Amino acid sequence: MPSWRTARIHPARSEVTSADAESAPSSPSRPPVFDAEAYKQRNAVERCINRFKQRRGLAMRTDKLAIAYQAAFHLAAILMWTRR
């Protein structure tokens, strides 16, 4: 490779270790492993965050003091929990 060109970024096949090969997917078209339980938990957290974002005061953080924002957050959480 001429010295004026950019050096190669990707390692050669001989430089790839077995740990690198194990972490890489076997095929680019194969989807990653799906964990249903982790997906359920992540989905529940995202839905809860979106419910908080629907409240304008919490989403825009109009309170100047952190204690007032925290109180509004707790109040919104209590209201969401009681309406469930």
C-alpha atoms as a PDB file:
ATOM      1  CA  MET A   1       0.000   0.000   0.000  1.00  0.00           C
ATOM      2  CA  PRO A   2       1.486   3.370  -0.936  1.00  0.00           C
ATOM      3  CA  SER A   3       2.399   5.663   1.954  1.00  0.00           C
ATOM      4  CA  TRP A   4       0.230   8.535   0.698  1.00  0.00           C
ATOM      5  CA  ARG A   5      -3.020   6.563   1.046  1.00  0.00           C
ATOM      6  CA  THR A   6      -5.025   6.138   4.219  1.00  0.00           C
ATOM      7  CA  ALA A   7      -4.092   3.112   6.271  1.00  0.00           C
ATOM      8  CA  ARG A   8      -6.420   0.131   6.405  1.00  0.00           C
ATOM      9  CA  ILE A   9      -9.001   0.398   9.221  1.00  0.00           C
ATOM     10  CA  HIS A  10     -10.368  -3.148   9.365  1.00  0.00           C
ATOM     11  CA  PRO A  11      -8.125  -5.934  10.667  1.00  0.00           C
ATOM     12  CA  ALA A  12      -7.032  -8.703   8.351  1.00  0.00           C
ATOM     13  CA  ARG A  13      -8.652 -12.131   8.849  1.00  0.00           C
ATOM     14  CA  SER A  14      -5.505 -13.424  10.510  1.00  0.00           C
ATOM     15  CA  GLU A  15      -5.674 -10.590  13.094  1.00  0.00           C
ATOM     16  CA  VAL A  16      -9.218 -11.390  14.280  1.00  0.00           C
ATOM     17  CA  THR A  17      -9.215 -13.220  17.602  1.00  0.00           C
ATOM     18  CA  SER A  18     -11.627 -15.988  18.547  1.00  0.00           C
ATOM     19  CA  ALA A  19     -13.424 -13.656  21.005  1.00  0.00           C
ATOM     20  CA  ASP A  20     -14.115 -11.213  18.173  1.00  0.00           C
ATOM     21  CA  ALA A  21     -15.455 -14.007  16.007  1.00  0.00           C
ATOM     22  CA  GLU A  22     -17.792 -15.244  18.756  1.00  0.00           C
ATOM     23  CA  SER A  23     -19.328 -11.808  19.365  1.00  0.00           C
ATOM     24  CA  ALA A  24     -19.932 -11.124  15.676  1.00  0.00           C
ATOM     25  CA  PRO A  25     -23.217 -12.352  14.176  1.00  0.00           C
ATOM     26  CA  SER A  26     -22.926 -15.427  11.991  1.00  0.00           C
ATOM     27  CA  SER A  27     -24.803 -13.784   9.149  1.00  0.00           C
ATOM     28  CA  PRO A  28     -25.622 -10.135   8.513  1.00  0.00           C
ATOM     29  CA  SER A  29     -29.189 -11.038   7.536  1.00  0.00           C
ATOM     30  CA  ARG A  30     -29.865 -13.062  10.695  1.00  0.00           C
ATOM     31  CA  PRO A  31     -31.630 -11.018  13.406  1.00  0.00           C
ATOM     32  CA  PRO A  32     -30.082 -10.826  16.876  1.00  0.00           C
ATOM     33  CA  VAL A  33     -31.344 -13.107  19.612  1.00  0.00           C
ATOM     34  CA  PHE A  34     -34.752 -11.980  20.895  1.00  0.00           C
ATOM     35  CA  ASP A  35     -35.326 -11.978  24.653  1.00  0.00           C
ATOM     36  CA  ALA A  36     -39.083 -11.696  25.248  1.00  0.00           C
ATOM     37  CA  GLU A  37     -38.803 -10.932  28.972  1.00  0.00           C
ATOM     38  CA  ALA A  38     -36.293  -8.107  28.448  1.00  0.00           C
ATOM     39  CA  TYR A  39     -38.527  -6.701  25.686  1.00  0.00           C
ATOM     40  CA  LYS A  40     -41.569  -6.684  28.017  1.00  0.00           C
ATOM     41  CA  GLN A  41     -39.655  -4.831  30.714  1.00  0.00           C
ATOM     42  CA  ARG A  42     -38.180  -2.303  28.274  1.00  0.00           C
ATOM     43  CA  ASN A  43     -41.612  -1.730  26.718  1.00  0.00           C
ATOM     44  CA  ALA A  44     -43.186  -1.095  30.148  1.00  0.00           C
ATOM     45  CA  VAL A  45     -40.510   1.472  31.015  1.00  0.00           C
ATOM     46  CA  GLU A  46     -40.864   3.250  27.662  1.00  0.00           C
ATOM     47  CA  ARG A  47     -44.658   3.424  28.022  1.00  0.00           C
ATOM     48  CA  CYS A  48     -44.323   4.890  31.517  1.00  0.00           C
ATOM     49  CA  ILE A  49     -41.867   7.526  30.308  1.00  0.00           C
ATOM     50  CA  ASN A  50     -44.219   8.445  27.463  1.00  0.00           C
ATOM     51  CA  ARG A  51     -47.084   8.882  29.933  1.00  0.00           C
ATOM     52  CA  PHE A  52     -44.943  11.321  31.886  1.00  0.00           C
ATOM     53  CA  LYS A  53     -44.080  13.155  28.673  1.00  0.00           C
ATOM     54  CA  GLN A  54     -47.790  13.712  28.006  1.00  0.00           C
ATOM     55  CA  ARG A  55     -47.903  16.013  31.018  1.00  0.00           C
ATOM     56  CA  ARG A  56     -46.769  19.344  29.682  1.00  0.00           C
ATOM     57  CA  GLY A  57     -45.181  20.676  32.881  1.00  0.00           C
ATOM     58  CA  LEU A  58     -43.025  17.599  33.280  1.00  0.00           C
ATOM     59  CA  ALA A  59     -42.076  17.383  29.625  1.00  0.00           C
ATOM     60  CA  MET A  60     -41.003  21.028  29.391  1.00  0.00           C
ATOM     61  CA  ARG A  61     -39.637  21.251  32.933  1.00  0.00           C
ATOM     62  CA  THR A  62     -41.240  24.586  33.670  1.00  0.00           C
ATOM     63  CA  ASP A  63     -40.400  24.473  37.394  1.00  0.00           C
ATOM     64  CA  LYS A  64     -37.302  26.421  38.300  1.00  0.00           C
ATOM     65  CA  LEU A  65     -36.447  24.508  41.450  1.00  0.00           C
ATOM     66  CA  ALA A  66     -35.492  20.844  41.395  1.00  0.00           C
ATOM     67  CA  ILE A  67     -37.615  20.147  44.488  1.00  0.00           C
ATOM     68  CA  ALA A  68     -40.710  21.548  42.741  1.00  0.00           C
ATOM     69  CA  TYR A  69     -40.035  19.437  39.656  1.00  0.00           C
ATOM     70  CA  GLN A  70     -39.558  16.354  41.810  1.00  0.00           C
ATOM     71  CA  ALA A  71     -42.824  17.057  43.642  1.00  0.00           C
ATOM     72  CA  ALA A  72     -44.678  17.396  40.332  1.00  0.00           C
ATOM     73  CA  PHE A  73     -43.108  14.167  39.138  1.00  0.00           C
ATOM     74  CA  HIS A  74     -44.209  12.336  42.284  1.00  0.00           C
ATOM     75  CA  LEU A  75     -47.711  13.778  42.020  1.00  0.00           C
ATOM     76  CA  ALA A  76     -47.983  12.681  38.386  1.00  0.00           C
ATOM     77  CA  ALA A  77     -46.766   9.201  39.329  1.00  0.00           C
ATOM     78  CA  ILE A  78     -49.366   8.938  42.099  1.00  0.00           C
ATOM     79  CA  LEU A  79     -52.142  10.086  39.764  1.00  0.00           C
ATOM     80  CA  MET A  80     -51.073   7.599  37.101  1.00  0.00           C
ATOM     81  CA  TRP A  81     -50.936   4.819  39.670  1.00  0.00           C
ATOM     82  CA  THR A  82     -54.413   5.577  41.066  1.00  0.00           C
ATOM     83  CA  ARG A  83     -55.974   5.710  37.582  1.00  0.00           C
ATOM     84  CA  ARG A  84     -54.530   2.367  36.629  1.00  0.00           C
END
